[in-house]
Protein backbone atom coordinates (compact mmCIF):
# COMPACT_ATOMS: atom_id res chain seq x y z
CA MET A 1 24.91 -34.65 -37.59
CA THR A 2 22.90 -32.85 -34.94
CA ASP A 3 24.82 -31.37 -32.02
CA THR A 4 23.04 -32.83 -29.00
CA THR A 5 25.16 -30.86 -26.56
CA LEU A 6 23.18 -27.69 -27.22
CA PRO A 7 19.65 -27.26 -25.90
CA ALA A 8 16.83 -26.90 -28.39
CA PRO A 9 15.92 -23.33 -29.42
CA GLY A 10 12.75 -23.41 -27.33
CA LEU A 11 14.66 -24.67 -24.31
CA ARG A 12 17.40 -22.07 -24.81
CA SER A 13 14.74 -19.35 -24.86
CA ALA A 14 13.13 -20.72 -21.71
CA LEU A 15 16.50 -20.92 -19.95
CA ARG A 16 17.35 -17.37 -21.00
CA HIS A 17 14.08 -16.03 -19.61
CA LEU A 18 14.56 -18.06 -16.42
CA TRP A 19 18.02 -16.53 -15.98
CA GLN A 20 16.65 -13.05 -16.58
CA ASP A 21 13.94 -13.63 -13.99
CA GLN A 22 16.27 -15.04 -11.33
CA ARG A 23 19.45 -12.99 -11.75
CA VAL A 24 18.12 -10.13 -9.62
CA TRP A 25 17.29 -12.50 -6.76
CA LEU A 26 20.71 -14.11 -7.24
CA ALA A 27 22.43 -10.72 -6.97
CA SER A 28 20.65 -10.01 -3.68
CA ALA A 29 21.55 -13.44 -2.34
CA LEU A 30 25.21 -13.07 -3.32
CA ILE A 31 25.48 -9.67 -1.64
CA LEU A 32 23.97 -10.93 1.60
CA THR A 33 26.12 -14.08 1.48
CA ALA A 34 29.29 -12.04 1.04
CA LEU A 35 28.26 -9.78 3.89
CA ALA A 36 27.51 -12.77 6.11
CA ILE A 37 31.06 -14.02 5.52
CA PHE A 38 32.99 -10.76 5.87
CA ASP A 39 30.66 -8.56 7.96
CA PRO A 40 27.90 -10.56 9.68
CA ALA A 41 26.58 -7.57 11.59
CA GLN A 42 26.08 -5.60 8.38
CA ALA A 43 24.42 -8.62 6.73
CA THR A 44 21.83 -8.66 9.48
CA ALA A 45 21.42 -4.89 9.36
CA SER A 46 20.97 -4.88 5.58
CA ALA A 47 18.43 -7.71 5.66
CA LEU A 48 16.44 -5.95 8.37
CA PHE A 49 16.68 -2.62 6.52
CA ALA A 50 15.37 -4.18 3.30
CA GLY A 51 12.59 -5.98 5.13
CA GLN A 52 11.48 -2.84 6.97
CA ALA A 53 11.62 -0.75 3.79
CA LEU A 54 9.46 -3.30 1.97
CA LEU A 55 6.95 -3.19 4.82
CA ASN A 56 6.90 0.61 4.75
CA THR A 57 6.21 0.69 1.01
CA ALA A 58 3.76 -2.24 1.08
CA PRO A 59 0.56 -0.14 1.27
CA PHE A 60 1.53 1.86 -1.82
CA LEU A 61 2.69 -1.24 -3.66
CA ILE A 62 -0.45 -3.22 -2.85
CA LEU A 63 -2.63 -0.35 -4.02
CA SER A 64 -0.65 0.04 -7.25
CA ILE A 65 -0.64 -3.70 -7.95
CA GLY A 66 -4.36 -3.92 -7.26
CA ILE A 67 -5.14 -1.02 -9.57
CA ALA A 68 -3.03 -2.46 -12.37
CA ALA A 69 -4.58 -5.93 -12.02
CA TRP A 70 -8.10 -4.50 -11.75
CA ALA A 71 -7.61 -2.32 -14.81
CA GLY A 72 -6.48 -5.29 -16.88
CA ALA A 73 -9.21 -7.64 -15.66
CA THR A 74 -12.08 -5.22 -16.20
CA GLY A 75 -10.80 -3.70 -19.42
CA VAL A 76 -10.91 -0.22 -17.91
CA ASP A 77 -7.31 0.16 -19.04
CA ASN A 78 -8.77 0.95 -22.46
CA LEU A 79 -10.49 3.99 -21.00
CA ILE A 80 -7.32 5.02 -19.19
CA ALA A 81 -5.32 4.80 -22.39
CA ARG A 82 -7.92 6.82 -24.30
CA ALA A 83 -7.70 9.52 -21.64
CA PHE A 84 -3.99 9.85 -22.48
CA THR A 85 -4.60 10.39 -26.16
CA GLY A 86 -5.53 13.50 -28.05
CA ALA A 87 -3.65 16.60 -26.92
CA PRO A 88 -0.01 15.68 -26.16
CA LEU A 89 0.83 18.98 -24.49
CA LEU A 90 -2.17 18.75 -22.17
CA MET A 91 -1.28 15.17 -21.26
CA ILE A 92 2.29 16.18 -20.46
CA GLY A 93 1.09 18.96 -18.18
CA LEU A 94 -1.41 16.71 -16.44
CA GLY A 95 1.19 13.96 -16.07
CA ALA A 96 3.66 16.35 -14.44
CA LEU A 97 1.00 17.74 -12.13
CA ALA A 98 -0.21 14.28 -11.13
CA GLY A 99 3.36 13.17 -10.44
CA ALA A 100 4.07 16.16 -8.23
CA ILE A 101 0.97 15.76 -6.04
CA SER A 102 0.53 11.98 -6.03
CA PRO A 103 1.28 10.11 -2.78
CA PHE A 104 3.03 7.25 -4.60
CA CYS A 105 6.74 6.66 -4.23
CA SER A 106 8.91 6.01 -7.27
CA CYS A 107 8.55 2.26 -6.75
CA GLY A 108 4.83 2.25 -6.14
CA VAL A 109 4.05 3.67 -9.56
CA ILE A 110 6.02 1.00 -11.44
CA PRO A 111 3.05 -1.25 -12.26
CA LEU A 112 0.95 1.73 -13.34
CA ILE A 113 3.70 3.04 -15.59
CA ALA A 114 4.28 -0.40 -17.08
CA ALA A 115 0.57 -0.79 -17.73
CA LEU A 116 0.27 2.64 -19.35
CA LEU A 117 3.26 2.09 -21.61
CA ALA A 118 2.08 -1.39 -22.54
CA MET A 119 -1.30 0.07 -23.51
CA GLY A 120 0.29 2.47 -25.93
CA VAL A 121 0.11 5.63 -23.81
CA PRO A 122 2.63 8.13 -25.21
CA LEU A 123 6.00 7.96 -23.50
CA SER A 124 6.07 11.77 -23.29
CA ALA A 125 3.11 11.88 -20.88
CA VAL A 126 4.38 8.91 -18.89
CA MET A 127 7.87 10.41 -18.65
CA ALA A 128 6.42 13.66 -17.30
CA PHE A 129 4.72 11.71 -14.51
CA TRP A 130 7.76 9.50 -13.96
CA LEU A 131 10.17 12.41 -13.49
CA ALA A 132 7.93 14.45 -11.21
CA SER A 133 6.74 11.62 -8.97
CA PRO A 134 9.93 10.89 -6.94
CA ILE A 135 10.56 14.55 -6.10
CA MET A 136 7.43 15.58 -4.27
CA ASP A 137 4.30 14.20 -2.64
CA PRO A 138 1.91 15.60 0.00
CA SER A 139 3.81 14.25 3.00
CA MET A 140 7.13 15.39 1.52
CA PHE A 141 5.68 18.89 1.03
CA VAL A 142 4.72 19.08 4.72
CA MET A 143 8.12 17.79 5.83
CA THR A 144 10.01 20.16 3.54
CA ALA A 145 8.03 23.14 4.78
CA GLY A 146 8.65 22.14 8.39
CA VAL A 147 12.35 21.27 8.15
CA LEU A 148 13.37 23.95 5.65
CA ASP A 149 10.66 26.51 4.93
CA MET A 150 7.50 27.05 2.91
CA ASP A 151 9.36 28.82 0.10
CA PHE A 152 11.60 25.79 -0.33
CA ALA A 153 8.59 23.43 -0.31
CA VAL A 154 6.73 25.45 -2.93
CA ALA A 155 9.85 25.80 -5.08
CA LYS A 156 10.53 22.06 -4.89
CA THR A 157 6.95 21.34 -5.99
CA LEU A 158 7.35 23.71 -8.93
CA ALA A 159 10.68 22.07 -9.72
CA ALA A 160 8.97 18.67 -9.83
CA MET A 161 6.30 19.91 -12.23
CA GLY A 162 8.82 21.85 -14.29
CA LEU A 163 11.11 18.85 -14.65
CA GLY A 164 8.15 16.70 -15.65
CA VAL A 165 7.00 19.15 -18.32
CA PHE A 166 10.56 19.64 -19.59
CA GLY A 167 11.17 15.90 -19.83
CA GLY A 168 7.82 15.28 -21.46
CA LEU A 169 8.46 17.92 -24.13
CA VAL A 170 11.92 16.53 -24.91
CA VAL A 171 10.50 13.02 -25.27
CA LEU A 172 7.65 14.34 -27.42
CA MET A 173 10.10 15.96 -29.85
CA LEU A 174 12.24 12.82 -29.99
CA SER A 175 9.18 10.63 -30.52
CA ARG A 176 8.01 12.74 -33.43
CA SER A 177 11.32 12.06 -35.14
CA GLY A 178 10.69 8.33 -34.85
CA ALA A 179 12.82 7.62 -31.79
CA LEU A 180 11.71 5.83 -28.63
CA ALA A 181 8.93 3.96 -30.43
CA ASP A 182 9.30 0.83 -28.28
CA PRO A 183 10.48 1.92 -24.82
CA LEU A 184 9.85 -1.21 -22.72
CA ARG A 185 12.23 -4.10 -22.22
CA GLU A 186 11.42 -7.46 -23.73
CA GLY A 187 8.86 -9.33 -21.69
CA ILE A 188 7.42 -6.21 -20.03
CA GLY A 189 5.11 -5.31 -22.89
CA ASN A 190 4.90 -2.95 -25.82
CA GLY A 191 2.55 -0.48 -27.34
CA GLY A 192 1.45 -2.70 -30.21
CA CYS A 193 -1.49 -4.59 -28.76
CA GLY A 194 -2.13 -1.74 -26.34
CA GLY A 195 -2.34 0.69 -29.22
CA ALA A 196 -4.86 -1.59 -30.89
CA ARG A 197 -7.01 -1.59 -27.74
CA VAL A 198 -6.96 2.18 -27.74
CA ARG A 199 -8.05 2.35 -31.37
CA ALA A 200 -10.78 -0.27 -30.93
CA PRO A 201 -11.66 -0.45 -27.23
CA LYS A 202 -13.72 -3.34 -25.92
CA PRO A 203 -16.57 -2.87 -23.44
CA VAL A 204 -15.57 -2.55 -19.80
CA VAL A 205 -16.69 -5.45 -17.59
CA TRP A 206 -16.92 -3.95 -14.13
CA ARG A 207 -18.03 -7.19 -12.45
CA PHE A 208 -14.98 -9.05 -13.73
CA TRP A 209 -15.10 -11.64 -10.94
CA GLU A 210 -18.15 -13.22 -12.59
CA GLN A 211 -16.00 -14.45 -15.49
CA ALA A 212 -13.40 -17.13 -14.85
CA GLU A 213 -11.09 -15.84 -17.57
CA ARG A 214 -11.02 -12.36 -16.12
CA ARG A 215 -10.50 -13.69 -12.59
CA MET A 216 -7.50 -15.62 -13.86
CA LYS A 217 -6.17 -12.51 -15.59
CA PHE A 218 -6.50 -10.51 -12.38
CA GLY A 219 -4.62 -13.13 -10.39
CA LYS A 220 -1.89 -13.61 -12.98
CA THR A 221 -1.28 -9.87 -13.36
CA ALA A 222 -1.18 -9.36 -9.60
CA LEU A 223 1.23 -12.26 -9.09
CA THR A 224 3.66 -11.36 -11.87
CA THR A 225 3.68 -7.70 -10.87
CA THR A 226 4.28 -8.57 -7.22
CA LEU A 227 7.21 -10.85 -8.06
CA PHE A 228 8.63 -8.24 -10.42
CA LEU A 229 8.49 -5.54 -7.77
CA ALA A 230 9.74 -7.74 -4.96
CA LYS A 231 12.97 -8.78 -6.67
CA TRP A 232 13.96 -5.28 -7.79
CA LEU A 233 12.98 -3.52 -4.57
CA THR A 234 14.80 -6.06 -2.43
CA LEU A 235 18.04 -5.46 -4.34
CA ALA A 236 17.52 -1.69 -4.30
CA PHE A 237 16.99 -1.54 -0.55
CA ILE A 238 19.98 -3.78 0.17
CA LEU A 239 22.21 -1.46 -1.86
CA GLU A 240 20.71 1.59 -0.17
CA SER A 241 21.46 0.10 3.25
CA LEU A 242 25.11 -0.38 2.29
CA MET A 243 25.46 3.20 1.09
CA LEU A 244 23.92 4.47 4.30
CA ALA A 245 26.30 2.34 6.37
CA TRP A 246 29.53 2.85 4.48
CA ILE A 247 29.37 6.42 3.14
CA PRO A 248 28.96 9.08 5.83
CA ALA A 249 26.25 11.53 4.90
CA GLU A 250 28.42 14.44 6.00
CA THR A 251 31.09 13.45 3.48
CA VAL A 252 28.62 13.78 0.62
CA THR A 253 26.90 16.94 1.73
CA ALA A 254 30.06 18.75 2.89
CA ALA A 255 31.11 19.19 -0.74
CA LEU A 256 28.09 21.37 -1.46
CA GLY A 257 29.11 24.57 0.35
CA GLY A 258 30.10 27.83 -1.28
CA ASP A 259 28.62 30.24 -3.81
CA GLY A 260 28.36 30.41 -7.58
CA LEU A 261 27.56 27.75 -10.18
CA LEU A 262 30.10 25.16 -9.01
CA PRO A 263 28.24 24.19 -5.81
CA ILE A 264 25.02 23.75 -7.81
CA LEU A 265 26.80 21.62 -10.39
CA THR A 266 28.53 19.62 -7.66
CA ALA A 267 25.24 19.12 -5.83
CA THR A 268 23.63 17.87 -9.03
CA LEU A 269 26.36 15.30 -9.62
CA VAL A 270 26.57 14.26 -5.96
CA GLY A 271 22.82 13.78 -5.94
CA VAL A 272 23.04 11.09 -8.66
CA PRO A 273 24.04 8.26 -6.29
CA ALA A 274 21.86 9.76 -3.55
CA TYR A 275 21.71 7.07 -0.94
CA LEU A 276 19.67 9.40 1.27
CA ASN A 277 15.93 9.14 1.02
CA GLY A 278 14.11 12.41 0.67
CA TYR A 279 13.12 12.64 4.32
CA ALA A 280 16.61 11.89 5.66
CA ALA A 281 18.16 14.43 3.29
CA LEU A 282 16.03 17.34 4.51
CA PRO A 283 17.64 17.95 7.94
CA LEU A 284 21.16 17.54 6.51
CA VAL A 285 20.50 20.03 3.72
CA GLY A 286 18.85 22.38 6.22
CA GLY A 287 21.88 22.22 8.51
CA LEU A 288 24.30 22.94 5.67
CA ILE A 289 22.21 25.87 4.45
CA GLU A 290 22.46 27.32 7.97
CA GLN A 291 26.24 26.87 7.73
CA GLY A 292 26.43 28.77 4.44
CA MET A 293 25.57 26.30 1.69
CA ALA A 294 23.89 27.94 -1.27
CA PRO A 295 20.11 27.28 -1.29
CA GLY A 296 20.33 26.50 -5.00
CA ALA A 297 22.81 23.73 -4.28
CA GLY A 298 20.43 22.27 -1.73
CA MET A 299 17.59 22.33 -4.25
CA ALA A 300 19.74 20.72 -6.95
CA PHE A 301 20.84 17.99 -4.55
CA LEU A 302 17.29 17.14 -3.47
CA VAL A 303 15.91 17.11 -7.01
CA ALA A 304 18.76 15.11 -8.52
CA GLY A 305 18.85 12.74 -5.56
CA GLY A 306 15.11 12.13 -5.65
CA VAL A 307 14.93 11.28 -9.33
CA THR A 308 18.18 9.29 -9.57
CA SER A 309 18.06 7.53 -6.20
CA ILE A 310 18.58 3.78 -6.26
CA PRO A 311 14.89 2.79 -6.09
CA ALA A 312 13.84 5.36 -8.69
CA ALA A 313 16.69 4.63 -11.11
CA MET A 314 16.35 0.87 -10.78
CA ALA A 315 12.63 1.17 -11.47
CA VAL A 316 13.40 2.82 -14.80
CA TRP A 317 16.22 0.36 -15.55
CA ALA A 318 13.97 -2.60 -14.83
CA LEU A 319 11.16 -1.41 -17.09
CA ALA A 320 12.70 0.58 -19.91
CA LYS A 321 15.34 -0.01 -22.55
CA THR A 322 18.83 1.40 -22.16
CA GLN A 323 18.25 4.48 -24.33
CA VAL A 324 15.17 5.43 -22.29
CA PHE A 325 17.12 4.96 -19.04
CA ALA A 326 19.96 7.14 -20.36
CA LEU A 327 17.47 9.80 -21.40
CA TYR A 328 15.84 9.66 -17.95
CA ILE A 329 19.19 10.25 -16.25
CA GLY A 330 20.13 13.02 -18.67
CA LEU A 331 16.83 14.81 -18.16
CA SER A 332 17.18 14.41 -14.40
CA LEU A 333 20.62 16.00 -14.30
CA THR A 334 19.68 18.86 -16.60
CA GLY A 335 16.46 19.55 -14.74
CA ALA A 336 18.10 19.37 -11.31
CA PHE A 337 20.81 21.85 -12.30
CA ALA A 338 18.25 24.21 -13.82
CA SER A 339 16.05 23.94 -10.72
CA GLY A 340 18.96 24.76 -8.44
CA LEU A 341 20.07 27.67 -10.59
CA LEU A 342 16.59 29.19 -10.82
CA PHE A 343 16.00 28.77 -7.09
CA GLN A 344 19.34 30.43 -6.34
CA LEU A 345 18.49 33.37 -8.58
CA TRP A 346 15.06 33.65 -6.93
CA THR A 347 16.52 33.71 -3.42
CA MET A 348 18.98 36.43 -4.48
CA ALA A 349 16.31 38.62 -6.02
């Protein structure tokens, strides 16, 4: 006798995907509801913070979404994927360099990274870009040079590129052993069909708007990517607002004073839950360096905090499988500690 109390397999699958799509929105709603009950002022502040942060990142997000949708609709993504094939070492170096100098924030590159991985672009090259991107960009370079000094800005740029190359090489070695073959979460995409497009690319249709099918593809890609970004960024910014409100910045940064390896190690670990954005962290780190904090500890804190901050980490968690996320965090910690140590040695020379 058939058990009619259980939904059909197709319905169960649809319900599961619906739950996966809505649980992030639900988490944001529950947090704001709880705040509204127990701390109404903070609920308002968090909602305004998240809204303002979304507005501030909107230009980068719109550009990234548009590029991803345009690439899919025209078929130019085939050319992009082919550009990332051939020499793995060269692609890792270019990925790290592009990440260090690109103006995109860690959230703004999500659709591009998802598209590249879905097209079969090697994870090693993408990881190099992914690790370097949150640490440095042109405006951050100018701010770092102004608040700290030019040496610190140049060193932080080199740290971004070095971390990207290091991470890309580690992923390349793991990939050659057969690991990390399918890095994306279910429903985001995989390298199978993308790999096929790379091997047998179709002609690029630059005037995609003349074909109804390609217009529909552009709209669908833009819509799904926008919804995907909106739900994760909203949750990330709400959490960031709570960390800013409830954990005094001085409490975190005060633990980074002193000399030797311990302050650098402490700064690396403290930087993991870095609720400070890169710009807000600069004056605090500068003030502590003036009070005697080791420069290497400041570098380790900024690098670790940039790569493992809530928006950056949640971007990786949302896109990649657990083992890729764990590798991302491990590479971030190792690279941040090494960057701080090397910078400390350089300042002492």
